[in-house]
Amino acid sequence: MKFDIIGWGALNVDRLCQVNEFAPSDGETFINYETKSCGGSAANTIIGIAKLGLNTGYIGKVGNDSNGNMMLDYLTENNVNTDHLIIGNEETGEVIGFVDNKGDRKLYVTPKINDKISNNEIDRTYIKNTKILHLTSFVGLNPEDPSINTQIELLEEISSDIKIALDPGMLYVKRGSEFMTKLLKYTDILLINETELLITTGKTTLKEAIQEIYPKVDILVVKRSTKGSFIKKGNEEYNIGIFKVDTVDTTGAGDAYNAGFLYGLLNNYSLEESGIIGSYIAAQSTTQAGATEAIPYIEDIDITEIIKSLKN
């Protein structure tokens, strides 16, 4: 089977607790209600792309437990191929999150079986049958757990055969410049937020950080939250605006942007147009609780009109 894109990263069940405001230091507050949904950065992006009608697959690991079954069912229901989903005997990863009445969030990850993907569990043929492999982070709580090393070993082996998209997240960025330099060596498309970019480069301004990082990748995408996004490839540069919506929950908004942007690239839209699609999908994703529930299906939107509404 041929894929447009395959994701590879942590698979978590998200327990999101809605609060009026975050508890202050040494203080307390109350939870209005709690929701439970499927998540993980790469999974959110791949589900978004599947909802936009492309052929997707996933590499990840879940436990043989109720959360693992929930994750498997959700991927399957959203038309993500799960032939290479690895099922083990430990517990499925989980995220406990708190979302305030402004839509801001604080997330706490317990990786569990996510961090235990070994090299011999990866089917090379499965990976090489895709146009893009989209990577996101593992926690790596125990240095002896293999998932991070497995990613790097496979990148060394296959990165010349397919395009690699990377959203490192704060977990990988905080591993330091040496670690990020190793990953960027194999990265074609870097999807990173502004704070992560500044930390990665050690620069104090966005302009300096962009100058430092863009020669290392083919396409650089900087997600800037309410300031939109910046995209650079060679001499091409674009500042993309945002779509204003009534925000309920920002969980997974960056992942949703990735989904829209990569969908655009895979359908031969320009960089600017892909950025606009990403901005739209990100905005829509914040209108309901959960990371992917509000991402629209391709048949319910008009890509041409979306591009027209924001294109310079």
Protein backbone atom coordinates (compact mmCIF):
# COMPACT_ATOMS: atom_id res chain seq x y z
CA MET A 1 0.00 0.00 0.00
CA LYS A 2 1.22 3.51 -0.90
CA PHE A 3 0.75 6.39 1.54
CA ASP A 4 0.76 10.15 1.21
CA ILE A 5 2.09 10.48 4.74
CA ILE A 6 2.93 8.29 7.73
CA GLY A 7 3.23 9.62 11.27
CA TRP A 8 5.66 8.36 13.89
CA GLY A 9 5.45 9.49 17.49
CA ALA A 10 3.80 9.04 20.85
CA LEU A 11 0.22 7.81 21.15
CA ASN A 12 -1.57 9.16 24.21
CA VAL A 13 -5.05 9.25 25.60
CA ASP A 14 -5.69 12.85 26.67
CA ARG A 15 -7.58 13.53 29.89
CA LEU A 16 -8.44 17.22 29.61
CA CYS A 17 -9.79 19.03 32.66
CA GLN A 18 -11.61 22.33 32.09
CA VAL A 19 -10.98 24.94 34.79
CA ASN A 20 -11.90 28.61 35.09
CA GLU A 21 -8.27 29.48 35.80
CA PHE A 22 -5.06 27.64 36.61
CA ALA A 23 -4.30 27.13 40.28
CA PRO A 24 -1.73 29.60 41.65
CA SER A 25 1.50 28.40 43.22
CA ASP A 26 0.71 26.55 46.46
CA GLY A 27 -3.00 27.13 45.75
CA GLU A 28 -5.99 25.20 44.49
CA THR A 29 -8.93 25.47 42.15
CA PHE A 30 -11.71 23.18 40.89
CA ILE A 31 -12.44 21.22 37.71
CA ASN A 32 -15.67 22.08 35.90
CA TYR A 33 -15.66 18.94 33.76
CA GLU A 34 -13.31 16.40 32.21
CA THR A 35 -13.11 14.95 28.72
CA LYS A 36 -11.17 11.97 27.44
CA SER A 37 -9.90 11.82 23.87
CA CYS A 38 -7.13 10.38 21.72
CA GLY A 39 -3.95 12.36 21.16
CA GLY A 40 -0.23 12.50 20.62
CA SER A 41 1.27 15.21 18.40
CA ALA A 42 1.98 13.13 15.29
CA ALA A 43 -1.31 11.26 15.69
CA ASN A 44 -3.23 14.55 15.83
CA THR A 45 -1.59 15.69 12.62
CA ILE A 46 -2.13 12.39 10.82
CA ILE A 47 -5.79 12.21 11.86
CA GLY A 48 -6.22 15.77 10.58
CA ILE A 49 -4.68 14.87 7.23
CA ALA A 50 -6.85 11.73 7.02
CA LYS A 51 -9.95 13.88 7.61
CA LEU A 52 -8.76 16.02 4.70
CA GLY A 53 -8.94 12.96 2.48
CA LEU A 54 -5.35 11.75 2.08
CA ASN A 55 -3.97 8.23 2.51
CA THR A 56 -2.30 8.01 5.92
CA GLY A 57 -0.57 5.50 8.17
CA TYR A 58 0.97 5.45 11.62
CA ILE A 59 3.88 3.99 13.56
CA GLY A 60 3.47 3.93 17.33
CA LYS A 61 2.97 1.69 20.33
CA VAL A 62 0.00 1.18 22.65
CA GLY A 63 -0.77 -1.18 25.47
CA ASN A 64 -3.23 -4.04 25.44
CA ASP A 65 -5.57 -2.02 27.67
CA SER A 66 -8.75 0.03 27.36
CA ASN A 67 -6.82 3.18 26.42
CA GLY A 68 -4.91 1.27 23.76
CA ASN A 69 -8.15 -0.09 22.33
CA MET A 70 -9.61 3.43 22.36
CA MET A 71 -6.59 4.75 20.46
CA LEU A 72 -6.70 1.94 17.90
CA ASP A 73 -10.43 2.40 17.33
CA TYR A 74 -10.09 6.17 16.92
CA LEU A 75 -7.31 5.90 14.35
CA THR A 76 -9.28 3.27 12.44
CA GLU A 77 -12.52 5.29 12.55
CA ASN A 78 -10.62 8.23 11.05
CA ASN A 79 -9.25 6.14 8.18
CA VAL A 80 -5.65 5.99 9.42
CA ASN A 81 -3.94 2.73 8.50
CA THR A 82 -2.89 0.87 11.66
CA ASP A 83 -1.09 -2.12 10.12
CA HIS A 84 2.12 -1.05 11.85
CA LEU A 85 0.64 -0.07 15.19
CA ILE A 86 2.62 -2.05 17.77
CA ILE A 87 0.69 -3.52 20.71
CA GLY A 88 2.58 -4.40 23.87
CA ASN A 89 1.85 -5.57 27.39
CA GLU A 90 2.48 -2.29 29.24
CA GLU A 91 0.10 0.64 29.72
CA THR A 92 -0.77 3.09 26.95
CA GLY A 93 0.67 6.61 27.28
CA GLU A 94 -1.49 9.28 28.85
CA VAL A 95 -1.62 13.08 29.02
CA ILE A 96 -3.34 14.89 31.85
CA GLY A 97 -4.18 18.44 30.74
CA PHE A 98 -5.77 21.51 32.24
CA VAL A 99 -7.53 24.03 29.99
CA ASP A 100 -8.68 27.43 31.33
CA ASN A 101 -11.61 29.57 30.18
CA LYS A 102 -9.33 31.43 27.71
CA GLY A 103 -8.42 28.17 25.98
CA ASP A 104 -4.85 28.11 27.31
CA ARG A 105 -3.50 24.79 28.52
CA LYS A 106 -0.97 22.98 30.70
CA LEU A 107 -0.13 19.37 29.83
CA TYR A 108 1.55 16.61 31.86
CA VAL A 109 2.72 13.48 30.01
CA THR A 110 3.19 9.96 31.34
CA PRO A 111 4.87 8.17 28.38
CA LYS A 112 4.57 4.56 29.54
CA ILE A 113 4.82 2.20 26.52
CA ASN A 114 5.47 5.05 24.03
CA ASP A 115 9.14 5.08 24.97
CA LYS A 116 9.63 1.35 24.29
CA ILE A 117 9.78 1.04 20.49
CA SER A 118 12.83 -0.96 19.48
CA ASN A 119 14.55 -1.00 16.10
CA ASN A 120 13.53 -4.57 15.27
CA GLU A 121 9.83 -3.65 15.62
CA ILE A 122 9.94 -1.25 12.65
CA ASP A 123 8.97 -2.45 9.17
CA ARG A 124 11.20 -0.59 6.68
CA THR A 125 8.99 -1.48 3.73
CA TYR A 126 6.01 0.16 5.42
CA ILE A 127 7.93 3.41 5.96
CA LYS A 128 9.43 3.55 2.48
CA ASN A 129 5.97 3.36 0.90
CA THR A 130 5.17 6.97 1.82
CA LYS A 131 5.88 10.39 0.32
CA ILE A 132 6.43 12.03 3.73
CA LEU A 133 7.33 10.62 7.14
CA HIS A 134 6.18 13.02 9.87
CA LEU A 135 8.04 12.74 13.18
CA THR A 136 7.29 14.12 16.63
CA SER A 137 8.88 13.61 20.03
CA PHE A 138 9.04 10.89 22.63
CA VAL A 139 9.60 11.74 26.30
CA GLY A 140 12.60 9.47 26.87
CA LEU A 141 11.99 9.45 30.60
CA ASN A 142 14.32 6.49 31.11
CA PRO A 143 17.59 6.79 29.13
CA GLU A 144 17.54 3.03 28.60
CA ASP A 145 14.18 3.13 26.77
CA PRO A 146 14.79 2.80 23.02
CA SER A 147 12.19 4.91 21.14
CA ILE A 148 14.32 8.04 20.62
CA ASN A 149 17.37 6.07 19.53
CA THR A 150 15.17 3.99 17.24
CA GLN A 151 13.96 7.17 15.51
CA ILE A 152 17.50 8.41 14.96
CA GLU A 153 18.77 5.02 13.76
CA LEU A 154 15.96 4.78 11.22
CA LEU A 155 16.51 8.35 10.04
CA GLU A 156 20.14 7.53 9.35
CA GLU A 157 18.97 4.60 7.27
CA ILE A 158 15.99 5.97 5.31
CA SER A 159 16.10 9.78 5.21
CA SER A 160 17.61 9.81 1.70
CA ASP A 161 14.68 7.74 0.38
CA ILE A 162 11.71 9.84 1.56
CA LYS A 163 10.95 13.37 2.76
CA ILE A 164 11.14 13.89 6.52
CA ALA A 165 8.90 16.39 8.33
CA LEU A 166 9.73 17.13 11.97
CA ASP A 167 7.81 18.88 14.72
CA PRO A 168 10.26 18.51 17.62
CA GLY A 169 8.11 20.03 20.37
CA MET A 170 9.60 21.32 23.58
CA LEU A 171 10.59 17.81 24.68
CA TYR A 172 13.18 17.48 21.91
CA VAL A 173 14.19 21.14 21.90
CA LYS A 174 15.11 20.92 25.60
CA ARG A 175 17.46 18.02 24.87
CA GLY A 176 19.90 20.63 23.61
CA SER A 177 21.55 21.92 20.46
CA GLU A 178 23.66 18.80 19.83
CA PHE A 179 20.56 16.60 19.81
CA MET A 180 18.60 19.00 17.59
CA THR A 181 21.53 19.35 15.17
CA LYS A 182 21.55 15.57 14.77
CA LEU A 183 17.82 15.53 13.97
CA LEU A 184 17.97 18.52 11.62
CA LYS A 185 20.62 16.72 9.58
CA TYR A 186 17.85 14.40 8.36
CA THR A 187 14.98 16.92 8.25
CA ASP A 188 13.47 18.35 5.05
CA ILE A 189 10.50 20.19 6.57
CA LEU A 190 10.84 21.74 10.03
CA LEU A 191 7.60 22.69 11.77
CA ILE A 192 8.45 24.52 14.99
CA ASN A 193 6.92 27.20 17.18
CA GLU A 194 8.63 30.52 17.85
CA THR A 195 9.63 29.78 21.44
CA GLU A 196 11.14 26.42 20.45
CA LEU A 197 13.05 28.05 17.60
CA LEU A 198 14.59 30.68 19.88
CA ILE A 199 15.67 28.01 22.36
CA THR A 200 17.08 25.78 19.61
CA THR A 201 19.20 28.55 18.11
CA GLY A 202 20.07 30.39 21.32
CA LYS A 203 19.08 33.64 19.61
CA THR A 204 17.04 36.47 21.15
CA THR A 205 15.10 37.62 18.07
CA LEU A 206 13.04 35.74 15.53
CA LYS A 207 15.02 37.22 12.63
CA GLU A 208 18.32 35.99 14.06
CA ALA A 209 16.85 32.55 14.79
CA ILE A 210 15.52 32.20 11.26
CA GLN A 211 18.89 33.17 9.77
CA GLU A 212 20.54 30.53 11.95
CA ILE A 213 18.20 27.62 11.20
CA TYR A 214 16.82 27.95 7.67
CA PRO A 215 20.01 26.88 5.84
CA LYS A 216 19.78 23.53 7.64
CA VAL A 217 16.39 22.48 6.19
CA ASP A 218 14.58 22.71 2.87
CA ILE A 219 11.38 24.27 4.29
CA LEU A 220 11.14 26.17 7.58
CA VAL A 221 7.73 26.79 9.17
CA VAL A 222 7.58 28.88 12.35
CA LYS A 223 4.24 28.77 14.18
CA ARG A 224 3.65 32.03 16.07
CA SER A 225 0.29 31.43 17.80
CA THR A 226 -1.94 34.53 17.47
CA LYS A 227 0.75 36.20 15.33
CA GLY A 228 0.22 33.64 12.57
CA SER A 229 3.11 31.79 10.96
CA PHE A 230 6.26 32.39 8.95
CA ILE A 231 7.39 30.15 6.08
CA LYS A 232 10.71 30.17 4.28
CA LYS A 233 12.18 28.11 1.46
CA GLY A 234 15.25 29.53 -0.25
CA ASN A 235 14.36 33.06 -1.33
CA GLU A 236 10.64 32.54 -0.73
CA GLU A 237 9.25 34.04 2.48
CA TYR A 238 5.66 34.36 3.68
CA ASN A 239 3.95 35.76 6.75
CA ILE A 240 0.58 34.04 7.15
CA GLY A 241 -2.24 35.57 9.17
CA ILE A 242 -4.81 33.86 11.36
CA PHE A 243 -8.51 33.08 11.10
CA LYS A 244 -10.49 34.50 14.00
CA VAL A 245 -12.79 32.02 15.77
CA ASP A 246 -14.34 31.57 19.19
CA THR A 247 -11.62 29.56 20.91
CA VAL A 248 -12.62 26.82 23.35
CA ASP A 249 -9.43 24.73 23.61
CA THR A 250 -6.02 25.28 21.98
CA THR A 251 -4.86 21.69 22.59
CA GLY A 252 -3.37 20.36 19.35
CA ALA A 253 -3.70 23.63 17.40
CA GLY A 254 -0.07 23.41 16.25
CA ASP A 255 -0.61 19.81 15.18
CA ALA A 256 -3.70 20.89 13.24
CA TYR A 257 -1.65 23.58 11.51
CA ASN A 258 0.84 20.87 10.50
CA ALA A 259 -2.05 18.84 9.06
CA GLY A 260 -3.26 21.71 6.89
CA PHE A 261 0.21 22.73 5.78
CA LEU A 262 1.36 19.22 4.87
CA TYR A 263 -1.98 18.57 3.12
CA GLY A 264 -1.26 21.64 1.00
CA LEU A 265 2.24 20.51 0.10
CA LEU A 266 1.05 17.02 -0.79
CA ASN A 267 -1.58 18.52 -3.10
CA ASN A 268 0.91 20.83 -4.83
CA TYR A 269 -0.39 24.07 -3.38
CA SER A 270 2.17 26.86 -3.05
CA LEU A 271 3.96 27.46 0.25
CA GLU A 272 1.79 30.49 0.93
CA GLU A 273 -1.41 28.61 0.11
CA SER A 274 -0.32 25.66 2.26
CA GLY A 275 0.29 28.05 5.14
CA ILE A 276 -3.19 29.53 4.75
CA ILE A 277 -4.74 26.05 4.79
CA GLY A 278 -2.69 25.28 7.91
CA SER A 279 -3.87 28.47 9.59
CA TYR A 280 -7.51 27.66 8.82
CA ILE A 281 -7.34 24.07 10.08
CA ALA A 282 -5.55 25.24 13.24
CA ALA A 283 -8.24 27.81 13.96
CA GLN A 284 -11.06 25.33 13.41
CA SER A 285 -9.41 22.81 15.72
CA THR A 286 -9.73 25.21 18.68
CA THR A 287 -13.51 25.57 18.47
CA GLN A 288 -14.22 22.37 20.44
CA ALA A 289 -12.53 20.53 23.31
CA GLY A 290 -9.96 17.96 22.20
CA ALA A 291 -7.15 18.02 19.68
CA THR A 292 -8.87 16.64 16.55
CA GLU A 293 -12.62 16.63 17.15
CA ALA A 294 -13.19 20.00 15.45
CA ILE A 295 -10.87 19.46 12.47
CA PRO A 296 -13.21 19.54 9.46
CA TYR A 297 -13.62 16.86 6.81
CA ILE A 298 -12.54 17.82 3.31
CA GLU A 299 -16.08 17.54 1.95
CA ASP A 300 -17.29 20.18 4.42
CA ILE A 301 -14.88 22.94 3.39
CA ASP A 302 -13.91 24.84 0.23
CA ILE A 303 -10.13 25.06 0.00
CA THR A 304 -10.25 27.60 -2.85
CA GLU A 305 -12.43 29.98 -0.83
CA ILE A 306 -10.27 29.49 2.28
CA ILE A 307 -7.17 30.50 0.33
CA LYS A 308 -8.88 33.49 -1.25
CA SER A 309 -10.02 34.80 2.12
CA LEU A 310 -6.45 35.25 3.43
CA LYS A 311 -4.12 35.32 0.43
CA ASN A 312 -2.14 38.53 -0.01
